[in-house]
Amino acid sequence: GTPFIAVARPMPKRIFSRENFSFFHPEYYDTFLAARTDEWGDDDNVHACLYFCRNGETIWTNWGPGDYDQWQKLDGMESCRNGDTIGMLLNLYEGTLTVYKNNRRL
């Protein structure tokens, strides 16, 4: 299958022990938000992002209602192949995601 690469806020380790864990399943949103700290800023910030290697699209969530299906095409988006190096920088203060492919910003 085609891999997905995700980046998210630091979370307590106990959250990851759940069966079928995903940052993008609404059933877990309340649990994630319960771990909130003052450093998170306002409620509209991005908390997790995912990059789909097949076509370069991304999805993000602020763990609020109705944001699960927001796949987005990025400017300069590209798919990745076996051997490519993908990097992701999630700026939690600005609510932005920067994707890099083979050390080049997309």
PDB file of N, CA and C in Angstrom:
ATOM      1  N   GLY A   1       0.802  -1.181   0.000  1.00  0.00           N
ATOM      2  CA  GLY A   1       0.000   0.000   0.000  1.00  0.00           C
ATOM      3  C   GLY A   1       0.849   1.250   0.000  1.00  0.00           C
ATOM      4  N   THR A   2       0.219   2.347  -0.208  1.00  0.00           N
ATOM      5  CA  THR A   2       0.885   3.642  -0.206  1.00  0.00           C
ATOM      6  C   THR A   2       0.909   4.193   1.210  1.00  0.00           C
ATOM      7  N   PRO A   3       2.076   4.635   1.694  1.00  0.00           N
ATOM      8  CA  PRO A   3       2.134   5.119   3.075  1.00  0.00           C
ATOM      9  C   PRO A   3       1.565   6.520   3.250  1.00  0.00           C
ATOM     10  N   PHE A   4       1.162   6.782   4.479  1.00  0.00           N
ATOM     11  CA  PHE A   4       0.784   8.094   4.957  1.00  0.00           C
ATOM     12  C   PHE A   4       1.847   8.506   5.973  1.00  0.00           C
ATOM     13  N   ILE A   5       2.200   9.766   6.006  1.00  0.00           N
ATOM     14  CA  ILE A   5       3.156  10.275   6.983  1.00  0.00           C
ATOM     15  C   ILE A   5       2.432  11.359   7.774  1.00  0.00           C
ATOM     16  N   ALA A   6       2.505  11.267   9.094  1.00  0.00           N
ATOM     17  CA  ALA A   6       1.764  12.215   9.933  1.00  0.00           C
ATOM     18  C   ALA A   6       2.674  12.880  10.943  1.00  0.00           C
ATOM     19  N   VAL A   7       2.270  14.072  11.367  1.00  0.00           N
ATOM     20  CA  VAL A   7       2.936  14.796  12.439  1.00  0.00           C
ATOM     21  C   VAL A   7       1.834  15.397  13.312  1.00  0.00           C
ATOM     22  N   ALA A   8       2.076  15.381  14.629  1.00  0.00           N
ATOM     23  CA  ALA A   8       1.041  15.861  15.550  1.00  0.00           C
ATOM     24  C   ALA A   8       1.696  16.472  16.788  1.00  0.00           C
ATOM     25  N   ARG A   9       0.869  17.153  17.555  1.00  0.00           N
ATOM     26  CA  ARG A   9       1.316  17.707  18.834  1.00  0.00           C
ATOM     27  C   ARG A   9       1.844  16.587  19.723  1.00  0.00           C
ATOM     28  N   PRO A  10       2.767  16.934  20.603  1.00  0.00           N
ATOM     29  CA  PRO A  10       3.159  15.955  21.622  1.00  0.00           C
ATOM     30  C   PRO A  10       1.937  15.590  22.473  1.00  0.00           C
ATOM     31  N   MET A  11       1.776  14.308  22.719  1.00  0.00           N
ATOM     32  CA  MET A  11       0.635  13.816  23.496  1.00  0.00           C
ATOM     33  C   MET A  11       1.133  12.820  24.538  1.00  0.00           C
ATOM     34  N   PRO A  12       0.368  12.620  25.618  1.00  0.00           N
ATOM     35  CA  PRO A  12       0.761  11.612  26.612  1.00  0.00           C
ATOM     36  C   PRO A  12       0.837  10.220  25.979  1.00  0.00           C
ATOM     37  N   LYS A  13       1.832   9.454  26.357  1.00  0.00           N
ATOM     38  CA  LYS A  13       2.065   8.127  25.773  1.00  0.00           C
ATOM     39  C   LYS A  13       0.849   7.213  25.908  1.00  0.00           C
ATOM     40  N   ARG A  14       0.099   7.309  26.981  1.00  0.00           N
ATOM     41  CA  ARG A  14      -1.039   6.406  27.209  1.00  0.00           C
ATOM     42  C   ARG A  14      -2.077   6.470  26.092  1.00  0.00           C
ATOM     43  N   ILE A  15      -2.159   7.586  25.405  1.00  0.00           N
ATOM     44  CA  ILE A  15      -3.141   7.741  24.341  1.00  0.00           C
ATOM     45  C   ILE A  15      -2.851   6.784  23.185  1.00  0.00           C
ATOM     46  N   PHE A  16      -1.583   6.500  22.930  1.00  0.00           N
ATOM     47  CA  PHE A  16      -1.200   5.696  21.772  1.00  0.00           C
ATOM     48  C   PHE A  16      -1.425   4.200  21.958  1.00  0.00           C
ATOM     49  N   SER A  17      -1.761   3.752  23.150  1.00  0.00           N
ATOM     50  CA  SER A  17      -1.959   2.326  23.391  1.00  0.00           C
ATOM     51  C   SER A  17      -3.346   1.840  22.968  1.00  0.00           C
ATOM     52  N   ARG A  18      -4.176   2.714  22.490  1.00  0.00           N
ATOM     53  CA  ARG A  18      -5.527   2.329  22.083  1.00  0.00           C
ATOM     54  C   ARG A  18      -5.501   1.512  20.791  1.00  0.00           C
ATOM     55  N   GLU A  19      -6.368   0.547  20.704  1.00  0.00           N
ATOM     56  CA  GLU A  19      -6.479  -0.265  19.490  1.00  0.00           C
ATOM     57  C   GLU A  19      -7.005   0.600  18.347  1.00  0.00           C
ATOM     58  N   ASN A  20      -6.468   0.415  17.147  1.00  0.00           N
ATOM     59  CA  ASN A  20      -6.872   1.171  15.946  1.00  0.00           C
ATOM     60  C   ASN A  20      -6.676   2.670  16.135  1.00  0.00           C
ATOM     61  N   PHE A  21      -5.615   3.053  16.794  1.00  0.00           N
ATOM     62  CA  PHE A  21      -5.343   4.458  17.072  1.00  0.00           C
ATOM     63  C   PHE A  21      -5.174   5.267  15.796  1.00  0.00           C
ATOM     64  N   SER A  22      -5.710   6.480  15.791  1.00  0.00           N
ATOM     65  CA  SER A  22      -5.482   7.439  14.717  1.00  0.00           C
ATOM     66  C   SER A  22      -5.793   8.832  15.236  1.00  0.00           C
ATOM     67  N   PHE A  23      -4.958   9.811  14.839  1.00  0.00           N
ATOM     68  CA  PHE A  23      -5.244  11.196  15.186  1.00  0.00           C
ATOM     69  C   PHE A  23      -6.450  11.727  14.422  1.00  0.00           C
ATOM     70  N   PHE A  24      -6.946  10.972  13.449  1.00  0.00           N
ATOM     71  CA  PHE A  24      -8.002  11.458  12.563  1.00  0.00           C
ATOM     72  C   PHE A  24      -9.331  10.727  12.758  1.00  0.00           C
ATOM     73  N   HIS A  25      -9.496  10.009  13.864  1.00  0.00           N
ATOM     74  CA  HIS A  25     -10.779   9.381  14.190  1.00  0.00           C
ATOM     75  C   HIS A  25     -11.498  10.253  15.211  1.00  0.00           C
ATOM     76  N   PRO A  26     -12.639  10.827  14.825  1.00  0.00           N
ATOM     77  CA  PRO A  26     -13.358  11.738  15.726  1.00  0.00           C
ATOM     78  C   PRO A  26     -13.673  11.145  17.096  1.00  0.00           C
ATOM     79  N   GLU A  27     -13.756   9.832  17.205  1.00  0.00           N
ATOM     80  CA  GLU A  27     -14.060   9.228  18.502  1.00  0.00           C
ATOM     81  C   GLU A  27     -12.969   9.506  19.542  1.00  0.00           C
ATOM     82  N   TYR A  28     -11.765   9.889  19.110  1.00  0.00           N
ATOM     83  CA  TYR A  28     -10.670  10.179  20.031  1.00  0.00           C
ATOM     84  C   TYR A  28     -10.495  11.675  20.311  1.00  0.00           C
ATOM     85  N   TYR A  29     -11.208  12.539  19.619  1.00  0.00           N
ATOM     86  CA  TYR A  29     -10.980  13.981  19.729  1.00  0.00           C
ATOM     87  C   TYR A  29     -11.106  14.482  21.165  1.00  0.00           C
ATOM     88  N   ASP A  30     -12.114  14.037  21.897  1.00  0.00           N
ATOM     89  CA  ASP A  30     -12.288  14.495  23.277  1.00  0.00           C
ATOM     90  C   ASP A  30     -11.096  14.093  24.151  1.00  0.00           C
ATOM     91  N   THR A  31     -10.561  12.900  23.922  1.00  0.00           N
ATOM     92  CA  THR A  31      -9.393  12.438  24.673  1.00  0.00           C
ATOM     93  C   THR A  31      -8.190  13.313  24.374  1.00  0.00           C
ATOM     94  N   PHE A  32      -7.973  13.623  23.091  1.00  0.00           N
ATOM     95  CA  PHE A  32      -6.851  14.478  22.714  1.00  0.00           C
ATOM     96  C   PHE A  32      -6.994  15.865  23.331  1.00  0.00           C
ATOM     97  N   LEU A  33      -8.183  16.434  23.242  1.00  0.00           N
ATOM     98  CA  LEU A  33      -8.401  17.785  23.761  1.00  0.00           C
ATOM     99  C   LEU A  33      -8.300  17.844  25.283  1.00  0.00           C
ATOM    100  N   ALA A  34      -8.550  16.724  25.957  1.00  0.00           N
ATOM    101  CA  ALA A  34      -8.413  16.686  27.418  1.00  0.00           C
ATOM    102  C   ALA A  34      -6.952  16.843  27.838  1.00  0.00           C
ATOM    103  N   ALA A  35      -6.021  16.570  26.932  1.00  0.00           N
ATOM    104  CA  ALA A  35      -4.588  16.720  27.218  1.00  0.00           C
ATOM    105  C   ALA A  35      -4.099  18.140  26.937  1.00  0.00           C
ATOM    106  N   ARG A  36      -4.996  19.009  26.578  1.00  0.00           N
ATOM    107  CA  ARG A  36      -4.675  20.388  26.190  1.00  0.00           C
ATOM    108  C   ARG A  36      -3.925  21.130  27.298  1.00  0.00           C
ATOM    109  N   THR A  37      -2.967  21.970  26.884  1.00  0.00           N
ATOM    110  CA  THR A  37      -2.255  22.854  27.800  1.00  0.00           C
ATOM    111  C   THR A  37      -2.389  24.288  27.284  1.00  0.00           C
ATOM    112  N   ASP A  38      -2.010  25.254  28.090  1.00  0.00           N
ATOM    113  CA  ASP A  38      -2.067  26.659  27.676  1.00  0.00           C
ATOM    114  C   ASP A  38      -1.182  26.935  26.463  1.00  0.00           C
ATOM    115  N   GLU A  39      -0.132  26.147  26.291  1.00  0.00           N
ATOM    116  CA  GLU A  39       0.777  26.337  25.167  1.00  0.00           C
ATOM    117  C   GLU A  39       0.121  26.067  23.813  1.00  0.00           C
ATOM    118  N   TRP A  40      -1.019  25.410  23.805  1.00  0.00           N
ATOM    119  CA  TRP A  40      -1.686  25.067  22.545  1.00  0.00           C
ATOM    120  C   TRP A  40      -2.259  26.286  21.844  1.00  0.00           C
ATOM    121  N   GLY A  41      -2.498  27.371  22.537  1.00  0.00           N
ATOM    122  CA  GLY A  41      -3.074  28.545  21.894  1.00  0.00           C
ATOM    123  C   GLY A  41      -4.578  28.399  21.706  1.00  0.00           C
ATOM    124  N   ASP A  42      -5.102  29.080  20.667  1.00  0.00           N
ATOM    125  CA  ASP A  42      -6.558  29.075  20.468  1.00  0.00           C
ATOM    126  C   ASP A  42      -7.047  27.757  19.868  1.00  0.00           C
ATOM    127  N   ASP A  43      -8.358  27.579  19.867  1.00  0.00           N
ATOM    128  CA  ASP A  43      -8.985  26.325  19.440  1.00  0.00           C
ATOM    129  C   ASP A  43      -8.875  26.054  17.953  1.00  0.00           C
ATOM    130  N   ASP A  44      -8.579  27.058  17.136  1.00  0.00           N
ATOM    131  CA  ASP A  44      -8.566  26.866  15.692  1.00  0.00           C
ATOM    132  C   ASP A  44      -7.225  26.395  15.156  1.00  0.00           C
ATOM    133  N   ASN A  45      -6.219  26.228  16.010  1.00  0.00           N
ATOM    134  CA  ASN A  45      -4.917  25.786  15.549  1.00  0.00           C
ATOM    135  C   ASN A  45      -4.969  24.358  15.023  1.00  0.00           C
ATOM    136  N   VAL A  46      -4.074  24.068  14.134  1.00  0.00           N
ATOM    137  CA  VAL A  46      -3.911  22.703  13.622  1.00  0.00           C
ATOM    138  C   VAL A  46      -3.222  21.880  14.698  1.00  0.00           C
ATOM    139  N   HIS A  47      -3.732  20.679  14.954  1.00  0.00           N
ATOM    140  CA  HIS A  47      -3.142  19.801  15.964  1.00  0.00           C
ATOM    141  C   HIS A  47      -2.449  18.594  15.350  1.00  0.00           C
ATOM    142  N   ALA A  48      -2.840  18.197  14.149  1.00  0.00           N
ATOM    143  CA  ALA A  48      -2.212  17.057  13.480  1.00  0.00           C
ATOM    144  C   ALA A  48      -2.397  17.204  11.971  1.00  0.00           C
ATOM    145  N   CYS A  49      -1.398  16.754  11.218  1.00  0.00           N
ATOM    146  CA  CYS A  49      -1.455  16.775   9.754  1.00  0.00           C
ATOM    147  C   CYS A  49      -0.965  15.439   9.216  1.00  0.00           C
ATOM    148  N   LEU A  50      -1.473  15.069   8.066  1.00  0.00           N
ATOM    149  CA  LEU A  50      -1.095  13.813   7.436  1.00  0.00           C
ATOM    150  C   LEU A  50      -0.816  14.068   5.958  1.00  0.00           C
ATOM    151  N   TYR A  51       0.242  13.449   5.435  1.00  0.00           N
ATOM    152  CA  TYR A  51       0.653  13.577   4.032  1.00  0.00           C
ATOM    153  C   TYR A  51       0.452  12.221   3.359  1.00  0.00           C
ATOM    154  N   PHE A  52      -0.261  12.208   2.231  1.00  0.00           N
ATOM    155  CA  PHE A  52      -0.539  10.977   1.489  1.00  0.00           C
ATOM    156  C   PHE A  52       0.492  10.871   0.374  1.00  0.00           C
ATOM    157  N   CYS A  53       1.366   9.881   0.474  1.00  0.00           N
ATOM    158  CA  CYS A  53       2.496   9.765  -0.457  1.00  0.00           C
ATOM    159  C   CYS A  53       2.078   9.514  -1.907  1.00  0.00           C
ATOM    160  N   ARG A  54       0.946   8.909  -2.132  1.00  0.00           N
ATOM    161  CA  ARG A  54       0.532   8.587  -3.500  1.00  0.00           C
ATOM    162  C   ARG A  54       0.350   9.830  -4.365  1.00  0.00           C
ATOM    163  N   ASN A  55      -0.283  10.883  -3.798  1.00  0.00           N
ATOM    164  CA  ASN A  55      -0.571  12.058  -4.627  1.00  0.00           C
ATOM    165  C   ASN A  55      -0.141  13.385  -4.003  1.00  0.00           C
ATOM    166  N   GLY A  56       0.406  13.360  -2.794  1.00  0.00           N
ATOM    167  CA  GLY A  56       0.889  14.583  -2.161  1.00  0.00           C
ATOM    168  C   GLY A  56      -0.167  15.398  -1.447  1.00  0.00           C
ATOM    169  N   GLU A  57      -1.395  14.925  -1.387  1.00  0.00           N
ATOM    170  CA  GLU A  57      -2.433  15.660  -0.671  1.00  0.00           C
ATOM    171  C   GLU A  57      -2.213  15.555   0.839  1.00  0.00           C
ATOM    172  N   THR A  58      -2.765  16.508   1.559  1.00  0.00           N
ATOM    173  CA  THR A  58      -2.678  16.503   3.010  1.00  0.00           C
ATOM    174  C   THR A  58      -4.072  16.599   3.615  1.00  0.00           C
ATOM    175  N   ILE A  59      -4.163  16.207   4.868  1.00  0.00           N
ATOM    176  CA  ILE A  59      -5.373  16.396   5.653  1.00  0.00           C
ATOM    177  C   ILE A  59      -4.922  16.914   7.015  1.00  0.00           C
ATOM    178  N   TRP A  60      -5.721  17.756   7.634  1.00  0.00           N
ATOM    179  CA  TRP A  60      -5.375  18.304   8.934  1.00  0.00           C
ATOM    180  C   TRP A  60      -6.580  18.215   9.853  1.00  0.00           C
ATOM    181  N   THR A  61      -6.326  18.396  11.141  1.00  0.00           N
ATOM    182  CA  THR A  61      -7.420  18.424  12.100  1.00  0.00           C
ATOM    183  C   THR A  61      -7.087  19.354  13.253  1.00  0.00           C
ATOM    184  N   ASN A  62      -8.111  20.006  13.769  1.00  0.00           N
ATOM    185  CA  ASN A  62      -7.987  20.728  15.038  1.00  0.00           C
ATOM    186  C   ASN A  62      -8.808  19.999  16.103  1.00  0.00           C
ATOM    187  N   TRP A  63      -9.177  18.754  15.788  1.00  0.00           N
ATOM    188  CA  TRP A  63      -9.966  17.888  16.664  1.00  0.00           C
ATOM    189  C   TRP A  63     -11.295  18.516  17.032  1.00  0.00           C
ATOM    190  N   GLY A  64     -11.866  19.218  16.064  1.00  0.00           N
ATOM    191  CA  GLY A  64     -13.186  19.804  16.225  1.00  0.00           C
ATOM    192  C   GLY A  64     -14.169  19.109  15.300  1.00  0.00           C
ATOM    193  N   PRO A  65     -15.446  19.412  15.422  1.00  0.00           N
ATOM    194  CA  PRO A  65     -16.448  18.779  14.572  1.00  0.00           C
ATOM    195  C   PRO A  65     -16.304  19.179  13.108  1.00  0.00           C
ATOM    196  N   GLY A  66     -16.477  18.203  12.216  1.00  0.00           N
ATOM    197  CA  GLY A  66     -16.575  18.475  10.790  1.00  0.00           C
ATOM    198  C   GLY A  66     -15.283  18.725  10.053  1.00  0.00           C
ATOM    199  N   ASP A  67     -14.114  18.455  10.650  1.00  0.00           N
ATOM    200  CA  ASP A  67     -12.874  18.750   9.939  1.00  0.00           C
ATOM    201  C   ASP A  67     -12.171  17.512   9.397  1.00  0.00           C
ATOM    202  N   TYR A  68     -12.743  16.338   9.551  1.00  0.00           N
ATOM    203  CA  TYR A  68     -12.071  15.090   9.173  1.00  0.00           C
ATOM    204  C   TYR A  68     -11.863  14.939   7.669  1.00  0.00           C
ATOM    205  N   ASP A  69     -12.769  15.407   6.855  1.00  0.00           N
ATOM    206  CA  ASP A  69     -12.703  15.149   5.413  1.00  0.00           C
ATOM    207  C   ASP A  69     -12.083  16.283   4.614  1.00  0.00           C
ATOM    208  N   GLN A  70     -11.200  17.044   5.179  1.00  0.00           N
ATOM    209  CA  GLN A  70     -10.659  18.209   4.505  1.00  0.00           C
ATOM    210  C   GLN A  70      -9.310  17.910   3.841  1.00  0.00           C
ATOM    211  N   TRP A  71      -9.304  17.020   2.854  1.00  0.00           N
ATOM    212  CA  TRP A  71      -8.097  16.775   2.071  1.00  0.00           C
ATOM    213  C   TRP A  71      -7.802  18.029   1.268  1.00  0.00           C
ATOM    214  N   GLN A  72      -6.544  18.418   1.226  1.00  0.00           N
ATOM    215  CA  GLN A  72      -6.169  19.643   0.545  1.00  0.00           C
ATOM    216  C   GLN A  72      -5.011  19.401  -0.407  1.00  0.00           C
ATOM    217  N   LYS A  73      -5.044  20.098  -1.512  1.00  0.00           N
ATOM    218  CA  LYS A  73      -3.936  20.099  -2.446  1.00  0.00           C
ATOM    219  C   LYS A  73      -3.042  21.284  -2.092  1.00  0.00           C
ATOM    220  N   LEU A  74      -1.766  21.002  -1.855  1.00  0.00           N
ATOM    221  CA  LEU A  74      -0.816  22.047  -1.508  1.00  0.00           C
ATOM    222  C   LEU A  74      -0.217  22.665  -2.760  1.00  0.00           C
ATOM    223  N   ASP A  75       0.135  23.930  -2.697  1.00  0.00           N
ATOM    224  CA  ASP A  75       0.913  24.526  -3.782  1.00  0.00           C
ATOM    225  C   ASP A  75       2.213  23.750  -3.898  1.00  0.00           C
ATOM    226  N   GLY A  76       2.552  23.313  -5.098  1.00  0.00           N
ATOM    227  CA  GLY A  76       3.791  22.573  -5.322  1.00  0.00           C
ATOM    228  C   GLY A  76       3.760  21.142  -4.831  1.00  0.00           C
ATOM    229  N   MET A  77       2.564  20.610  -4.538  1.00  0.00           N
ATOM    230  CA  MET A  77       2.494  19.253  -4.000  1.00  0.00           C
ATOM    231  C   MET A  77       3.010  18.237  -5.008  1.00  0.00           C
ATOM    232  N   GLU A  78       3.638  17.196  -4.489  1.00  0.00           N
ATOM    233  CA  GLU A  78       4.171  16.114  -5.300  1.00  0.00           C
ATOM    234  C   GLU A  78       3.985  14.805  -4.562  1.00  0.00           C
ATOM    235  N   SER A  79       3.838  13.738  -5.314  1.00  0.00           N
ATOM    236  CA  SER A  79       3.813  12.416  -4.706  1.00  0.00           C
ATOM    237  C   SER A  79       5.243  12.036  -4.342  1.00  0.00           C
ATOM    238  N   CYS A  80       5.397  10.944  -3.635  1.00  0.00           N
ATOM    239  CA  CYS A  80       6.744  10.455  -3.344  1.00  0.00           C
ATOM    240  C   CYS A  80       6.822   8.984  -3.706  1.00  0.00           C
ATOM    241  N   ARG A  81       8.011   8.546  -3.950  1.00  0.00           N
ATOM    242  CA  ARG A  81       8.271   7.172  -4.384  1.00  0.00           C
ATOM    243  C   ARG A  81       9.276   6.521  -3.428  1.00  0.00           C
ATOM    244  N   ASN A  82       9.462   5.244  -3.581  1.00  0.00           N
ATOM    245  CA  ASN A  82      10.434   4.492  -2.809  1.00  0.00           C
ATOM    246  C   ASN A  82      11.799   5.181  -2.916  1.00  0.00           C
ATOM    247  N   GLY A  83      12.446   5.456  -1.798  1.00  0.00           N
ATOM    248  CA  GLY A  83      13.740   6.104  -1.777  1.00  0.00           C
ATOM    249  C   GLY A  83      13.693   7.597  -1.534  1.00  0.00           C
ATOM    250  N   ASP A  84      12.525   8.236  -1.701  1.00  0.00           N
ATOM    251  CA  ASP A  84      12.403   9.662  -1.419  1.00  0.00           C
ATOM    252  C   ASP A  84      12.453   9.896   0.092  1.00  0.00           C
ATOM    253  N   THR A  85      12.932  11.050   0.491  1.00  0.00           N
ATOM    254  CA  THR A  85      12.928  11.466   1.888  1.00  0.00           C
ATOM    255  C   THR A  85      11.899  12.575   2.038  1.00  0.00           C
ATOM    256  N   ILE A  86      10.950  12.369   2.951  1.00  0.00           N
ATOM    257  CA  ILE A  86       9.896  13.350   3.211  1.00  0.00           C
ATOM    258  C   ILE A  86      10.093  13.915   4.612  1.00  0.00           C
ATOM    259  N   GLY A  87      10.022  15.231   4.724  1.00  0.00           N
ATOM    260  CA  GLY A  87      10.071  15.896   6.013  1.00  0.00           C
ATOM    261  C   GLY A  87       8.843  16.772   6.172  1.00  0.00           C
ATOM    262  N   MET A  88       8.380  16.910   7.396  1.00  0.00           N
ATOM    263  CA  MET A  88       7.215  17.743   7.672  1.00  0.00           C
ATOM    264  C   MET A  88       7.514  18.622   8.871  1.00  0.00           C
ATOM    265  N   LEU A  89       7.193  19.904   8.749  1.00  0.00           N
ATOM    266  CA  LEU A  89       7.358  20.850   9.842  1.00  0.00           C
ATOM    267  C   LEU A  89       5.985  21.429  10.157  1.00  0.00           C
ATOM    268  N   LEU A  90       5.439  21.033  11.282  1.00  0.00           N
ATOM    269  CA  LEU A  90       4.138  21.525  11.733  1.00  0.00           C
ATOM    270  C   LEU A  90       4.381  22.645  12.737  1.00  0.00           C
ATOM    271  N   ASN A  91       4.053  23.877  12.351  1.00  0.00           N
ATOM    272  CA  ASN A  91       4.190  25.029  13.224  1.00  0.00           C
ATOM    273  C   ASN A  91       2.892  25.164  14.009  1.00  0.00           C
ATOM    274  N   LEU A  92       2.935  24.766  15.257  1.00  0.00           N
ATOM    275  CA  LEU A  92       1.728  24.737  16.078  1.00  0.00           C
ATOM    276  C   LEU A  92       1.256  26.131  16.483  1.00  0.00           C
ATOM    277  N   TYR A  93       2.135  27.106  16.441  1.00  0.00           N
ATOM    278  CA  TYR A  93       1.747  28.474  16.788  1.00  0.00           C
ATOM    279  C   TYR A  93       1.085  29.179  15.623  1.00  0.00           C
ATOM    280  N   GLU A  94       1.571  28.932  14.424  1.00  0.00           N
ATOM    281  CA  GLU A  94       1.019  29.573  13.225  1.00  0.00           C
ATOM    282  C   GLU A  94      -0.079  28.736  12.571  1.00  0.00           C
ATOM    283  N   GLY A  95      -0.154  27.448  12.914  1.00  0.00           N
ATOM    284  CA  GLY A  95      -1.141  26.568  12.283  1.00  0.00           C
ATOM    285  C   GLY A  95      -0.784  26.270  10.838  1.00  0.00           C
ATOM    286  N   THR A  96       0.519  26.093  10.553  1.00  0.00           N
ATOM    287  CA  THR A  96       0.965  25.831   9.187  1.00  0.00           C
ATOM    288  C   THR A  96       1.732  24.515   9.110  1.00  0.00           C
ATOM    289  N   LEU A  97       1.746  23.942   7.933  1.00  0.00           N
ATOM    290  CA  LEU A  97       2.498  22.723   7.652  1.00  0.00           C
ATOM    291  C   LEU A  97       3.388  22.993   6.454  1.00  0.00           C
ATOM    292  N   THR A  98       4.683  22.687   6.588  1.00  0.00           N
ATOM    293  CA  THR A  98       5.615  22.776   5.478  1.00  0.00           C
ATOM    294  C   THR A  98       6.096  21.366   5.176  1.00  0.00           C
ATOM    295  N   VAL A  99       6.020  20.973   3.906  1.00  0.00           N
ATOM    296  CA  VAL A  99       6.430  19.633   3.488  1.00  0.00           C
ATOM    297  C   VAL A  99       7.700  19.755   2.646  1.00  0.00           C
ATOM    298  N   TYR A 100       8.649  18.871   2.922  1.00  0.00           N
ATOM    299  CA  TYR A 100       9.898  18.814   2.189  1.00  0.00           C
ATOM    300  C   TYR A 100      10.026  17.447   1.519  1.00  0.00           C
ATOM    301  N   LYS A 101      10.554  17.442   0.314  1.00  0.00           N
ATOM    302  CA  LYS A 101      10.829  16.194  -0.398  1.00  0.00           C
ATOM    303  C   LYS A 101      12.282  16.249  -0.848  1.00  0.00           C
ATOM    304  N   ASN A 102      13.054  15.276  -0.406  1.00  0.00           N
ATOM    305  CA  ASN A 102      14.476  15.208  -0.763  1.00  0.00           C
ATOM    306  C   ASN A 102      15.175  16.541  -0.492  1.00  0.00           C
ATOM    307  N   ASN A 103      14.934  17.085   0.711  1.00  0.00           N
ATOM    308  CA  ASN A 103      15.544  18.335   1.193  1.00  0.00           C
ATOM    309  C   ASN A 103      15.110  19.572   0.403  1.00  0.00           C
ATOM    310  N   ARG A 104      14.025  19.491  -0.334  1.00  0.00           N
ATOM    311  CA  ARG A 104      13.498  20.623  -1.102  1.00  0.00           C
ATOM    312  C   ARG A 104      12.097  20.938  -0.601  1.00  0.00           C
ATOM    313  N   ARG A 105      11.851  22.197  -0.286  1.00  0.00           N
ATOM    314  CA  ARG A 105      10.532  22.607   0.180  1.00  0.00           C
ATOM    315  C   ARG A 105       9.535  22.544  -0.960  1.00  0.00           C
ATOM    316  N   LEU A 106       8.404  21.892  -0.709  1.00  0.00           N
ATOM    317  CA  LEU A 106       7.353  21.818  -1.731  1.00  0.00           C
ATOM    318  C   LEU A 106       6.422  23.006  -1.615  1.00  0.00           C
TER     319      LEU A 106
END
